[in-house]
Amino acid sequence: MRGGAKVAIVGGVFVLVAGGLSYGAYTVLFEDGSGGITSADAPAEVRTGPPDTKEIAATSKAFFAAWSSGNGPAASQLTNNPVDAEPVLTGYSTEAHIENVVITPGPAAGATVPYTVKGTVSFEGKSQPLSYSSKLTVVRGLTTGKPLVDWQPTVVHPKLTKGATLVTGESSSPEIEAVDRNGVVLTPDKYPSLAPVIATLRKKYGEKAGGTAGIETWIQGADEATPDITLLTLAKGKPGKVQTTIDAKMQAAAENAVKQFSGASVVAVRPSTGAIRAVANNPATEFNVALEGQQAPGSTMKIVTAAMLLERGIATANGAVECPKEATWRGRTFHNLNNFTLPDGSTLTQTFANSCNTGFIKLIDEVDDDSALAKEAKEVFGIGLDWKSGVTTWDGSVPEEVGGEAAAQYIGQGTIQMNVLNMASITATAHTGTFHQPVIVPQDLDGRPLATASRSLPTSVVQQLNSMMRATASWGTAAKAMSSVGGDKGAKTGSAEVEGQATSNSWFTGFSGDLAAAGVVQSGGHGGDAAGPVVAAVLGAG
């Protein structure tokens, strides 16, 4: 190594012990069979196969030594993608201002090496300690045969993504103090599911709220739409207040409710206004599954299908509907859960409340319009209308399909993509008859235009939809889950099959008074078993 600097390896910890950061190269050294030292750079045949234990240890040690010393170019050459790795590794010291770095590796699990990183962030006379854990994997170079670190941004920090950068300085947007509809302060520590919401609100409304910037270390997103992730605060700014539509009591209930199941998400909205009252995910990550997820919603979509059938006069709530164990439409066969049937003369309400798939499929012939469901979803329920809620959302999608794929959409399968925000809004619209675009900050904060649907549901359709959902909550598939919810209540269960997944996703949506909520539990099975209790807990808190 050139430049007069040395790296000491003491007890598995790598520390720069003498000045100078100008390293020409780091040579990976490991013991040969005789106890001597050989170099991975020495002329040799190109090796193949997975790296062995010695190569994994030697490569990770050399990488840690170069990285901890601040030599990004040298560290990047020990990866399989130096072009992408070099600016991130160099920026660790030059842009993020992280120094006195100590990396402590743990026991390797195969080719994967876990480690902890401790350092000090120093900027304009301010400093704070920084520590976190991550991991790397050593692979065989495809052309050189050398053992190399498999480059991923998460090698440098577990929250770093492709195109994102670590930065320390005056924060890119002023701090905010997010408060609920009653002025209660909302923090990520108390309400972890709101962390991405608050980060987005800060980026979007920080300046408008009148706050001042502090000095921070953060992960800067790859594009303007991605909110920054604050890792460390060296000096606090003055936060500006941003009022949200969240209800702190309901948010707390939602956070507790999703803890029942891994992979659970729930959203609650006020049907009369579209105000979002709670958003929760387990696990709570930077990606907000509740607001941005895209999945088939299963039989909860029958709310939209029923509305379309009622509007077109094809069926009525008390009219007779067939419910055989299976039904075929244009070469595609559909079944009910466990192949159940309903007796002749059963009504649409009974078909809906028992979640009979075939009953809805049998009515397709009378619709005579493959795009009918897509039109209903957009024109009445506001799906896909570019909602401007105040944060990033996926606003649902019901593509126009034909044949068997169009039939699958009737029961919430196929190409339909929804999240629990979308389904909570659909339930709210069914309950009131009019779509109110969901919002998490009041419209008057920035005067943004809200999405509006083309038309409302006729009063008779609203009455029938509500009676069908009330029946489902009283004696249908949602009865057990909704038994703890009081007042005027209605619901719909759903189970969405996912290719390659042994157990279906559990979906559930319902209303109680002027509150609607929807939930999903990944691989949760029947809607009433997993998602149902989550939604019921949130409705009960309202």
Protein backbone atom coordinates (compact mmCIF):
# COMPACT_ATOMS: atom_id res chain seq x y z
CA MET A 1 0.00 0.00 0.00
CA ARG A 2 1.29 3.45 -0.93
CA GLY A 3 0.95 6.83 0.77
CA GLY A 4 2.40 5.88 4.15
CA ALA A 5 -0.87 4.65 5.63
CA LYS A 6 -1.42 1.26 7.25
CA VAL A 7 -4.51 -0.64 8.16
CA ALA A 8 -4.39 -2.64 11.37
CA ILE A 9 -6.48 -5.76 11.78
CA VAL A 10 -7.08 -6.22 15.50
CA GLY A 11 -9.52 -8.82 16.78
CA GLY A 12 -11.43 -8.78 13.49
CA VAL A 13 -11.86 -4.97 13.61
CA PHE A 14 -10.46 -2.76 10.85
CA VAL A 15 -9.09 0.66 11.79
CA LEU A 16 -7.00 3.25 9.93
CA VAL A 17 -3.97 3.67 12.22
CA ALA A 18 -1.74 6.13 10.34
CA GLY A 19 -2.34 9.13 8.06
CA GLY A 20 -2.86 9.16 4.32
CA LEU A 21 -5.75 7.88 2.21
CA SER A 22 -4.00 7.50 -1.17
CA TYR A 23 -3.98 3.76 -1.76
CA GLY A 24 -3.00 2.41 -5.14
CA ALA A 25 -4.63 -1.01 -4.61
CA TYR A 26 -5.63 -3.51 -1.97
CA THR A 27 -4.30 -7.00 -2.50
CA VAL A 28 -6.39 -9.87 -1.23
CA LEU A 29 -4.12 -12.21 0.72
CA PHE A 30 -4.85 -15.65 2.07
CA GLU A 31 -2.80 -18.53 3.43
CA ASP A 32 -1.60 -21.21 1.05
CA GLY A 33 -1.41 -24.86 1.98
CA SER A 34 2.09 -24.50 3.44
CA GLY A 35 1.17 -21.67 5.80
CA GLY A 36 2.70 -19.03 3.51
CA ILE A 37 0.88 -16.06 1.96
CA THR A 38 -0.21 -15.92 -1.66
CA SER A 39 -1.90 -13.14 -3.61
CA ALA A 40 -5.18 -13.38 -5.45
CA ASP A 41 -3.52 -11.04 -7.97
CA ALA A 42 -0.70 -13.49 -8.66
CA PRO A 43 -0.74 -15.16 -12.10
CA ALA A 44 -2.84 -18.30 -11.89
CA GLU A 45 -5.49 -20.24 -13.68
CA VAL A 46 -8.97 -18.67 -13.66
CA ARG A 47 -10.80 -20.38 -10.84
CA THR A 48 -14.44 -21.50 -11.04
CA GLY A 49 -17.10 -22.50 -8.57
CA PRO A 50 -18.21 -20.74 -5.39
CA PRO A 51 -15.52 -18.97 -3.30
CA ASP A 52 -14.14 -21.09 -0.50
CA THR A 53 -14.01 -20.11 3.16
CA LYS A 54 -10.50 -18.62 2.95
CA GLU A 55 -11.40 -16.53 -0.10
CA ILE A 56 -14.56 -15.23 1.56
CA ALA A 57 -12.66 -14.21 4.68
CA ALA A 58 -9.75 -12.62 2.80
CA THR A 59 -11.94 -10.70 0.33
CA SER A 60 -14.29 -9.31 2.97
CA LYS A 61 -11.31 -8.28 5.16
CA ALA A 62 -9.63 -6.43 2.32
CA PHE A 63 -12.91 -4.74 1.37
CA PHE A 64 -13.59 -3.66 4.96
CA ALA A 65 -10.04 -2.31 5.26
CA ALA A 66 -10.32 -0.17 2.12
CA TRP A 67 -13.82 1.06 2.94
CA SER A 68 -13.07 1.90 6.58
CA SER A 69 -9.97 3.85 5.54
CA GLY A 70 -11.99 6.04 3.19
CA ASN A 71 -10.45 4.62 0.01
CA GLY A 72 -13.54 4.24 -2.14
CA PRO A 73 -11.69 3.54 -5.42
CA ALA A 74 -9.74 0.66 -3.86
CA ALA A 75 -12.81 -0.77 -2.14
CA SER A 76 -14.81 -0.61 -5.38
CA GLN A 77 -12.18 -2.67 -7.20
CA LEU A 78 -12.88 -5.48 -4.76
CA THR A 79 -16.51 -5.64 -5.97
CA ASN A 80 -18.03 -7.12 -9.11
CA ASN A 81 -19.37 -3.70 -10.16
CA PRO A 82 -16.73 -1.02 -9.49
CA VAL A 83 -18.43 1.52 -11.77
CA ASP A 84 -21.55 1.66 -9.58
CA ALA A 85 -19.75 0.99 -6.31
CA GLU A 86 -17.03 3.65 -6.49
CA PRO A 87 -19.16 6.84 -6.20
CA VAL A 88 -21.15 5.36 -3.31
CA LEU A 89 -18.07 4.20 -1.40
CA THR A 90 -16.17 7.43 -2.07
CA GLY A 91 -19.18 9.54 -1.14
CA TYR A 92 -19.33 7.78 2.21
CA SER A 93 -16.51 10.04 3.41
CA THR A 94 -16.68 12.97 0.98
CA GLU A 95 -20.48 13.53 0.86
CA ALA A 96 -21.78 11.85 4.00
CA HIS A 97 -18.75 13.01 6.04
CA ILE A 98 -18.48 9.75 7.96
CA GLU A 99 -15.07 9.24 9.56
CA ASN A 100 -13.31 7.10 12.19
CA VAL A 101 -15.05 4.09 10.69
CA VAL A 102 -14.80 0.76 12.51
CA ILE A 103 -16.23 -2.34 10.84
CA THR A 104 -16.69 -5.51 12.89
CA PRO A 105 -17.53 -8.65 10.93
CA GLY A 106 -19.57 -11.46 12.42
CA PRO A 107 -19.43 -15.18 11.65
CA ALA A 108 -20.01 -15.88 7.96
CA ALA A 109 -23.07 -17.86 6.89
CA GLY A 110 -21.82 -19.51 3.74
CA ALA A 111 -20.66 -16.74 1.42
CA THR A 112 -22.56 -14.05 3.35
CA VAL A 113 -20.73 -11.97 5.95
CA PRO A 114 -22.72 -9.87 8.45
CA TYR A 115 -21.07 -6.88 10.10
CA THR A 116 -21.62 -3.80 12.22
CA VAL A 117 -20.43 -0.34 11.24
CA LYS A 118 -19.59 2.39 13.73
CA GLY A 119 -18.35 5.83 12.81
CA THR A 120 -18.67 9.54 13.48
CA VAL A 121 -20.48 12.03 11.28
CA SER A 122 -18.80 15.45 11.40
CA PHE A 123 -20.02 18.57 9.61
CA GLU A 124 -19.37 22.27 10.30
CA GLY A 125 -18.32 21.70 13.88
CA LYS A 126 -21.20 19.35 14.65
CA SER A 127 -20.70 15.62 15.17
CA GLN A 128 -22.75 12.57 16.13
CA PRO A 129 -21.99 8.84 16.34
CA LEU A 130 -23.52 6.59 13.71
CA SER A 131 -23.93 2.82 13.95
CA TYR A 132 -25.85 0.16 12.04
CA SER A 133 -25.60 -3.42 10.77
CA SER A 134 -25.54 -4.83 7.25
CA LYS A 135 -24.15 -7.75 5.27
CA LEU A 136 -22.35 -8.60 2.04
CA THR A 137 -21.90 -11.70 -0.10
CA VAL A 138 -18.68 -12.82 -1.78
CA VAL A 139 -19.04 -14.28 -5.29
CA ARG A 140 -16.73 -15.55 -8.02
CA GLY A 141 -15.89 -12.98 -10.70
CA LEU A 142 -17.39 -14.11 -14.00
CA THR A 143 -14.35 -13.22 -16.12
CA THR A 144 -11.44 -13.04 -13.66
CA GLY A 145 -12.39 -15.94 -11.43
CA LYS A 146 -11.39 -13.80 -8.44
CA PRO A 147 -13.45 -13.66 -5.26
CA LEU A 148 -15.32 -10.33 -5.22
CA VAL A 149 -17.94 -8.57 -3.11
CA ASP A 150 -21.31 -8.83 -4.85
CA TRP A 151 -22.13 -5.13 -5.16
CA GLN A 152 -25.44 -3.94 -3.79
CA PRO A 153 -26.08 -0.45 -2.35
CA THR A 154 -27.20 -2.18 0.86
CA VAL A 155 -23.58 -3.21 1.42
CA VAL A 156 -22.93 0.40 2.49
CA HIS A 157 -26.21 0.90 4.35
CA PRO A 158 -29.24 -1.44 4.63
CA LYS A 159 -31.66 1.32 3.55
CA LEU A 160 -29.64 2.47 0.55
CA THR A 161 -31.21 1.69 -2.84
CA LYS A 162 -29.95 1.89 -6.41
CA GLY A 163 -29.39 5.50 -7.44
CA ALA A 164 -29.76 6.84 -3.89
CA THR A 165 -26.90 8.58 -2.08
CA LEU A 166 -25.76 9.22 1.48
CA VAL A 167 -25.51 12.93 2.26
CA THR A 168 -24.71 15.08 5.28
CA GLY A 169 -25.45 18.80 5.32
CA GLU A 170 -28.26 21.27 5.66
CA SER A 171 -31.38 19.18 5.17
CA SER A 172 -32.98 19.30 1.74
CA SER A 173 -36.33 20.30 3.23
CA PRO A 174 -37.30 21.93 6.55
CA GLU A 175 -38.49 19.73 9.38
CA ILE A 176 -42.20 19.35 10.02
CA GLU A 177 -44.34 18.50 13.00
CA ALA A 178 -47.12 16.32 11.66
CA VAL A 179 -50.27 16.42 13.77
CA ASP A 180 -53.53 14.53 13.63
CA ARG A 181 -56.94 16.09 13.01
CA ASN A 182 -57.13 17.12 16.68
CA GLY A 183 -53.60 18.49 16.94
CA VAL A 184 -51.97 15.39 18.49
CA VAL A 185 -48.32 15.12 17.38
CA LEU A 186 -47.60 12.13 15.14
CA THR A 187 -44.06 10.70 15.26
CA PRO A 188 -42.52 7.65 13.55
CA ASP A 189 -41.37 6.38 16.94
CA LYS A 190 -44.93 6.16 18.25
CA TYR A 191 -46.60 5.34 14.93
CA PRO A 192 -43.98 3.48 12.83
CA SER A 193 -46.30 2.93 9.87
CA LEU A 194 -46.49 6.71 9.38
CA ALA A 195 -42.72 7.07 8.83
CA PRO A 196 -42.94 7.10 4.99
CA VAL A 197 -46.03 9.32 5.16
CA ILE A 198 -44.28 11.90 7.36
CA ALA A 199 -41.15 11.77 5.18
CA THR A 200 -43.23 12.49 2.08
CA LEU A 201 -45.15 15.29 3.79
CA ARG A 202 -41.87 16.86 4.86
CA LYS A 203 -40.47 16.81 1.33
CA LYS A 204 -43.70 18.11 -0.17
CA TYR A 205 -44.87 20.63 2.44
CA GLY A 206 -41.82 21.45 4.58
CA GLU A 207 -41.17 24.87 3.06
CA LYS A 208 -44.87 25.77 2.89
CA ALA A 209 -45.22 24.93 6.60
CA GLY A 210 -42.64 27.62 7.49
CA GLY A 211 -40.02 25.46 9.19
CA THR A 212 -36.24 25.86 9.00
CA ALA A 213 -33.71 23.27 7.94
CA GLY A 214 -31.38 21.50 10.36
CA ILE A 215 -28.13 19.63 9.76
CA GLU A 216 -28.71 15.96 9.06
CA THR A 217 -27.38 12.78 7.52
CA TRP A 218 -29.90 11.32 5.12
CA ILE A 219 -30.41 8.98 2.20
CA GLN A 220 -31.34 11.06 -0.80
CA GLY A 221 -33.72 9.27 -3.14
CA ALA A 222 -32.86 8.51 -6.75
CA ASP A 223 -35.59 10.87 -7.99
CA GLU A 224 -37.69 13.80 -6.83
CA ALA A 225 -40.68 11.58 -6.07
CA THR A 226 -38.78 9.51 -3.51
CA PRO A 227 -38.76 11.01 -0.01
CA ASP A 228 -35.45 11.35 1.85
CA ILE A 229 -34.75 9.01 4.76
CA THR A 230 -33.21 10.83 7.72
CA LEU A 231 -30.60 8.72 9.51
CA LEU A 232 -29.10 11.21 11.95
CA THR A 233 -29.73 14.75 13.16
CA LEU A 234 -26.64 16.79 14.05
CA ALA A 235 -28.50 20.06 14.66
CA LYS A 236 -32.24 20.48 14.81
CA GLY A 237 -34.10 22.99 12.68
CA LYS A 238 -37.42 24.61 13.55
CA PRO A 239 -40.30 22.37 12.45
CA GLY A 240 -43.33 23.74 10.68
CA LYS A 241 -46.72 22.26 11.57
CA VAL A 242 -48.57 20.13 9.01
CA GLN A 243 -52.07 19.00 9.93
CA THR A 244 -53.22 15.63 8.62
CA THR A 245 -56.57 13.86 8.53
CA ILE A 246 -55.20 11.00 10.65
CA ASP A 247 -56.92 10.24 13.96
CA ALA A 248 -54.27 9.36 16.56
CA LYS A 249 -56.58 7.02 18.48
CA MET A 250 -57.49 5.10 15.36
CA GLN A 251 -53.89 5.09 14.15
CA ALA A 252 -52.81 3.50 17.44
CA ALA A 253 -55.53 0.88 17.04
CA ALA A 254 -54.41 0.19 13.47
CA GLU A 255 -50.76 -0.17 14.52
CA ASN A 256 -51.79 -2.69 17.19
CA ALA A 257 -54.17 -4.54 14.87
CA VAL A 258 -51.59 -5.30 12.18
CA LYS A 259 -49.25 -6.76 14.80
CA GLN A 260 -51.54 -9.80 14.86
CA PHE A 261 -50.21 -10.99 11.50
CA SER A 262 -46.99 -10.58 9.54
CA GLY A 263 -47.75 -9.12 6.12
CA ALA A 264 -50.82 -7.24 7.34
CA SER A 265 -51.97 -3.82 6.07
CA VAL A 266 -55.03 -1.71 6.89
CA VAL A 267 -56.47 1.69 5.97
CA ALA A 268 -59.50 3.53 7.37
CA VAL A 269 -61.31 6.41 5.64
CA ARG A 270 -64.35 8.57 6.40
CA PRO A 271 -66.95 7.87 3.68
CA SER A 272 -68.61 11.29 3.86
CA THR A 273 -65.36 13.18 3.13
CA GLY A 274 -62.63 10.77 2.00
CA ALA A 275 -60.43 11.74 4.97
CA ILE A 276 -57.89 9.01 5.73
CA ARG A 277 -58.06 8.21 9.44
CA ALA A 278 -55.44 5.46 9.78
CA VAL A 279 -52.72 3.69 7.77
CA ALA A 280 -50.77 0.74 9.14
CA ASN A 281 -48.44 -2.00 7.89
CA ASN A 282 -46.60 -4.91 9.46
CA PRO A 283 -43.74 -4.76 8.84
CA ALA A 284 -43.52 -0.97 8.66
CA THR A 285 -41.01 -0.18 5.90
CA GLU A 286 -40.15 2.67 3.55
CA PHE A 287 -42.51 1.12 0.97
CA ASN A 288 -46.06 1.79 2.14
CA VAL A 289 -47.92 -1.38 1.12
CA ALA A 290 -51.25 -0.04 2.37
CA LEU A 291 -51.10 2.96 0.03
CA GLU A 292 -48.85 1.78 -2.80
CA GLY A 293 -49.35 -1.99 -3.01
CA GLN A 294 -50.73 -3.62 -6.15
CA GLN A 295 -52.54 -6.95 -5.72
CA ALA A 296 -55.67 -8.77 -6.74
CA PRO A 297 -58.33 -8.05 -4.07
CA GLY A 298 -60.31 -11.28 -4.35
CA SER A 299 -64.03 -11.30 -3.59
CA THR A 300 -64.02 -7.85 -1.98
CA MET A 301 -64.20 -6.70 -5.62
CA LYS A 302 -67.71 -8.17 -5.77
CA ILE A 303 -68.87 -4.87 -4.28
CA VAL A 304 -68.08 -3.19 -7.62
CA THR A 305 -69.40 -6.16 -9.61
CA ALA A 306 -72.68 -6.12 -7.67
CA ALA A 307 -73.02 -2.36 -8.19
CA MET A 308 -72.57 -2.83 -11.93
CA LEU A 309 -75.16 -5.65 -12.07
CA LEU A 310 -77.66 -3.63 -10.02
CA GLU A 311 -77.15 -0.47 -12.08
CA ARG A 312 -77.71 -2.33 -15.35
CA GLY A 313 -80.87 -3.98 -14.03
CA ILE A 314 -79.40 -7.46 -14.54
CA ALA A 315 -80.00 -8.46 -10.93
CA THR A 316 -81.63 -7.20 -7.74
CA ALA A 317 -80.71 -7.84 -4.13
CA ASN A 318 -83.74 -10.11 -3.62
CA GLY A 319 -83.78 -11.58 -7.13
CA ALA A 320 -82.93 -15.24 -7.75
CA VAL A 321 -79.36 -16.17 -8.76
CA GLU A 322 -77.90 -19.60 -9.51
CA CYS A 323 -74.94 -20.76 -7.40
CA PRO A 324 -73.63 -24.11 -8.70
CA LYS A 325 -70.32 -25.58 -7.53
CA GLU A 326 -68.63 -24.55 -10.78
CA ALA A 327 -69.27 -22.33 -13.80
CA THR A 328 -67.46 -22.02 -17.13
CA TRP A 329 -67.10 -18.88 -19.22
CA ARG A 330 -65.35 -18.96 -22.60
CA GLY A 331 -63.23 -21.96 -21.74
CA ARG A 332 -62.31 -20.92 -18.18
CA THR A 333 -63.85 -22.79 -15.24
CA PHE A 334 -64.47 -21.15 -11.87
CA HIS A 335 -65.21 -22.86 -8.54
CA ASN A 336 -66.57 -21.90 -5.15
CA LEU A 337 -64.58 -22.46 -1.97
CA ASN A 338 -64.68 -26.22 -1.28
CA ASN A 339 -67.11 -26.49 -4.22
CA PHE A 340 -70.10 -25.37 -2.13
CA THR A 341 -73.48 -24.68 -3.72
CA LEU A 342 -76.59 -22.74 -2.72
CA PRO A 343 -80.11 -24.11 -3.17
CA ASP A 344 -82.28 -23.13 -6.13
CA GLY A 345 -84.07 -19.83 -5.60
CA SER A 346 -81.21 -18.26 -3.65
CA THR A 347 -81.00 -14.48 -3.98
CA LEU A 348 -78.19 -12.15 -5.01
CA THR A 349 -77.92 -11.14 -1.35
CA GLN A 350 -77.35 -14.77 -0.34
CA THR A 351 -74.86 -15.19 -3.20
CA PHE A 352 -72.98 -12.07 -2.09
CA ALA A 353 -73.09 -12.82 1.65
CA ASN A 354 -71.82 -16.39 1.12
CA SER A 355 -69.23 -15.22 -1.43
CA CYS A 356 -70.43 -17.48 -4.22
CA ASN A 357 -68.08 -17.04 -7.18
CA THR A 358 -70.16 -18.98 -9.68
CA GLY A 359 -73.26 -16.88 -9.05
CA PHE A 360 -71.47 -13.83 -10.41
CA ILE A 361 -69.87 -15.73 -13.30
CA LYS A 362 -73.31 -17.08 -14.37
CA LEU A 363 -74.56 -13.49 -14.85
CA ILE A 364 -71.84 -12.47 -17.32
CA ASP A 365 -73.87 -13.52 -20.39
CA GLU A 366 -76.51 -10.94 -19.53
CA VAL A 367 -73.97 -8.12 -19.22
CA ASP A 368 -72.82 -8.44 -22.85
CA ASP A 369 -69.99 -5.93 -22.35
CA ASP A 370 -66.48 -7.09 -21.40
CA SER A 371 -65.52 -3.56 -20.36
CA ALA A 372 -68.51 -3.07 -18.03
CA LEU A 373 -66.60 -3.69 -14.81
CA ALA A 374 -63.71 -1.40 -15.81
CA LYS A 375 -66.19 1.37 -16.61
CA GLU A 376 -68.03 0.93 -13.31
CA ALA A 377 -64.78 1.02 -11.32
CA LYS A 378 -63.63 4.24 -12.96
CA GLU A 379 -66.86 6.14 -13.53
CA VAL A 380 -68.46 5.44 -10.13
CA PHE A 381 -65.71 4.37 -7.74
CA GLY A 382 -62.90 6.66 -9.00
CA ILE A 383 -60.41 3.84 -9.58
CA GLY A 384 -57.40 4.89 -11.65
CA LEU A 385 -58.22 8.62 -11.62
CA ASP A 386 -54.83 9.88 -10.37
CA TRP A 387 -55.69 10.59 -6.76
CA LYS A 388 -53.87 13.49 -5.14
CA SER A 389 -54.04 12.47 -1.50
CA GLY A 390 -51.02 14.50 -0.38
CA VAL A 391 -48.68 11.48 -0.43
CA THR A 392 -47.73 8.82 -2.97
CA THR A 393 -50.52 6.33 -3.66
CA TRP A 394 -51.43 3.64 -6.18
CA ASP A 395 -54.96 4.43 -7.22
CA GLY A 396 -56.09 1.02 -8.43
CA SER A 397 -56.41 -0.54 -11.87
CA VAL A 398 -59.16 -2.50 -13.61
CA PRO A 399 -57.93 -2.96 -17.20
CA GLU A 400 -60.45 -3.68 -19.93
CA GLU A 401 -60.21 -7.41 -20.65
CA VAL A 402 -62.04 -9.97 -22.77
CA GLY A 403 -63.18 -13.55 -22.38
CA GLY A 404 -62.08 -15.58 -19.37
CA GLU A 405 -59.82 -12.81 -18.09
CA ALA A 406 -62.78 -10.43 -17.94
CA ALA A 407 -64.74 -13.08 -16.05
CA ALA A 408 -61.94 -13.47 -13.50
CA GLN A 409 -62.20 -9.76 -12.77
CA TYR A 410 -65.82 -10.20 -11.62
CA ILE A 411 -64.53 -12.07 -8.58
CA GLY A 412 -61.44 -9.90 -7.99
CA GLN A 413 -58.86 -12.08 -9.73
CA GLY A 414 -56.98 -11.74 -13.02
CA THR A 415 -55.41 -8.42 -13.91
CA ILE A 416 -57.13 -6.26 -11.29
CA GLN A 417 -54.62 -4.48 -9.03
CA MET A 418 -55.70 -2.87 -5.75
CA ASN A 419 -54.47 -2.01 -2.27
CA VAL A 420 -56.32 -1.55 0.99
CA LEU A 421 -56.65 2.21 0.44
CA ASN A 422 -58.49 1.49 -2.82
CA MET A 423 -60.77 -1.09 -1.20
CA ALA A 424 -61.54 1.16 1.78
CA SER A 425 -62.50 3.89 -0.70
CA ILE A 426 -64.65 1.46 -2.72
CA THR A 427 -66.49 0.49 0.47
CA ALA A 428 -66.93 4.15 1.39
CA THR A 429 -68.38 4.89 -2.05
CA ALA A 430 -70.74 1.94 -1.85
CA HIS A 431 -71.89 3.14 1.58
CA THR A 432 -72.65 6.72 0.54
CA GLY A 433 -73.17 6.34 -3.20
CA THR A 434 -70.64 9.06 -4.08
CA PHE A 435 -66.87 8.83 -4.53
CA HIS A 436 -64.86 11.17 -2.30
CA GLN A 437 -61.18 10.99 -3.20
CA PRO A 438 -59.13 9.91 -0.16
CA VAL A 439 -56.87 12.60 1.32
CA ILE A 440 -54.32 12.57 4.13
CA VAL A 441 -53.85 16.35 4.25
CA PRO A 442 -56.69 18.85 3.72
CA GLN A 443 -57.12 20.15 0.18
CA ASP A 444 -56.86 23.75 1.35
CA LEU A 445 -53.24 23.21 2.38
CA ASP A 446 -52.12 23.56 -1.23
CA GLY A 447 -55.28 23.88 -3.33
CA ARG A 448 -54.49 20.74 -5.33
CA PRO A 449 -57.32 19.43 -7.55
CA LEU A 450 -58.98 16.25 -6.30
CA ALA A 451 -60.20 13.45 -8.53
CA THR A 452 -63.95 13.27 -9.10
CA ALA A 453 -65.97 10.37 -10.48
CA SER A 454 -68.29 10.82 -13.46
CA ARG A 455 -71.43 9.91 -11.56
CA SER A 456 -72.90 8.72 -8.28
CA LEU A 457 -74.81 5.50 -7.74
CA PRO A 458 -78.62 5.67 -7.92
CA THR A 459 -80.27 5.70 -4.51
CA SER A 460 -81.91 2.30 -5.06
CA VAL A 461 -78.52 0.72 -5.86
CA VAL A 462 -76.95 2.26 -2.75
CA GLN A 463 -79.77 0.85 -0.61
CA GLN A 464 -79.39 -2.63 -2.10
CA LEU A 465 -75.58 -2.64 -1.81
CA ASN A 466 -75.78 -1.60 1.82
CA SER A 467 -78.39 -4.24 2.62
CA MET A 468 -76.17 -6.92 1.01
CA MET A 469 -73.12 -5.80 2.98
CA ARG A 470 -75.16 -5.64 6.20
CA ALA A 471 -76.30 -9.21 5.57
CA THR A 472 -72.70 -10.33 5.07
CA ALA A 473 -71.73 -8.76 8.40
CA SER A 474 -74.78 -10.13 10.23
CA TRP A 475 -75.01 -13.76 9.06
CA GLY A 476 -72.67 -14.16 6.08
CA THR A 477 -68.94 -14.86 5.77
CA ALA A 478 -68.03 -11.69 7.73
CA ALA A 479 -70.30 -12.34 10.72
CA LYS A 480 -67.69 -13.77 13.07
CA ALA A 481 -65.13 -11.03 12.43
CA MET A 482 -67.74 -8.24 12.68
CA SER A 483 -69.43 -9.54 15.84
CA SER A 484 -67.42 -7.12 18.01
CA VAL A 485 -68.36 -4.08 15.90
CA GLY A 486 -71.47 -2.19 16.98
CA GLY A 487 -73.88 0.14 15.24
CA ASP A 488 -74.85 0.14 11.58
CA LYS A 489 -72.31 -2.17 9.95
CA GLY A 490 -71.60 -4.00 6.70
CA ALA A 491 -68.72 -5.98 5.24
CA LYS A 492 -67.33 -8.19 2.46
CA THR A 493 -64.72 -10.94 2.68
CA GLY A 494 -62.23 -11.99 0.04
CA SER A 495 -59.53 -14.55 -0.66
CA ALA A 496 -57.13 -13.83 -3.52
CA GLU A 497 -55.17 -16.66 -5.09
CA VAL A 498 -51.56 -15.82 -5.96
CA GLU A 499 -49.55 -17.90 -8.42
CA GLY A 500 -46.79 -19.81 -6.66
CA GLN A 501 -48.28 -19.11 -3.22
CA ALA A 502 -49.70 -22.08 -1.30
CA THR A 503 -52.20 -20.05 0.74
CA SER A 504 -54.36 -17.25 -0.65
CA ASN A 505 -54.16 -13.65 0.55
CA SER A 506 -56.83 -12.72 3.09
CA TRP A 507 -58.90 -9.60 2.25
CA PHE A 508 -61.65 -7.92 4.22
CA THR A 509 -63.47 -4.62 3.98
CA GLY A 510 -66.31 -3.11 5.97
CA PHE A 511 -68.06 -0.05 7.32
CA SER A 512 -69.43 1.06 10.66
CA GLY A 513 -71.30 4.35 10.75
CA ASP A 514 -69.26 7.02 8.97
CA LEU A 515 -66.10 4.91 8.83
CA ALA A 516 -64.86 2.40 6.25
CA ALA A 517 -61.78 0.21 6.53
CA ALA A 518 -60.07 -2.47 4.46
CA GLY A 519 -57.29 -4.89 5.28
CA VAL A 520 -55.14 -7.58 3.71
CA VAL A 521 -52.93 -10.27 5.22
CA GLN A 522 -50.44 -11.92 2.89
CA SER A 523 -50.99 -15.71 2.83
CA GLY A 524 -53.69 -15.22 5.47
CA GLY A 525 -56.25 -17.56 3.88
CA HIS A 526 -59.96 -16.80 4.17
CA GLY A 527 -60.85 -13.12 4.49
CA GLY A 528 -62.74 -13.50 7.73
CA ASP A 529 -59.94 -15.41 9.47
CA ALA A 530 -57.03 -12.96 9.26
CA ALA A 531 -57.86 -9.63 7.61
CA GLY A 532 -61.29 -9.62 9.28
CA PRO A 533 -60.06 -9.21 12.88
CA VAL A 534 -57.62 -6.49 11.74
CA VAL A 535 -60.39 -4.44 10.11
CA ALA A 536 -62.82 -5.05 12.97
CA ALA A 537 -60.31 -3.73 15.51
CA VAL A 538 -59.92 -0.49 13.53
CA LEU A 539 -63.66 -0.05 12.99
CA GLY A 540 -64.20 -0.63 16.69
CA ALA A 541 -61.78 2.17 17.56
CA GLY A 542 -63.79 4.60 15.44
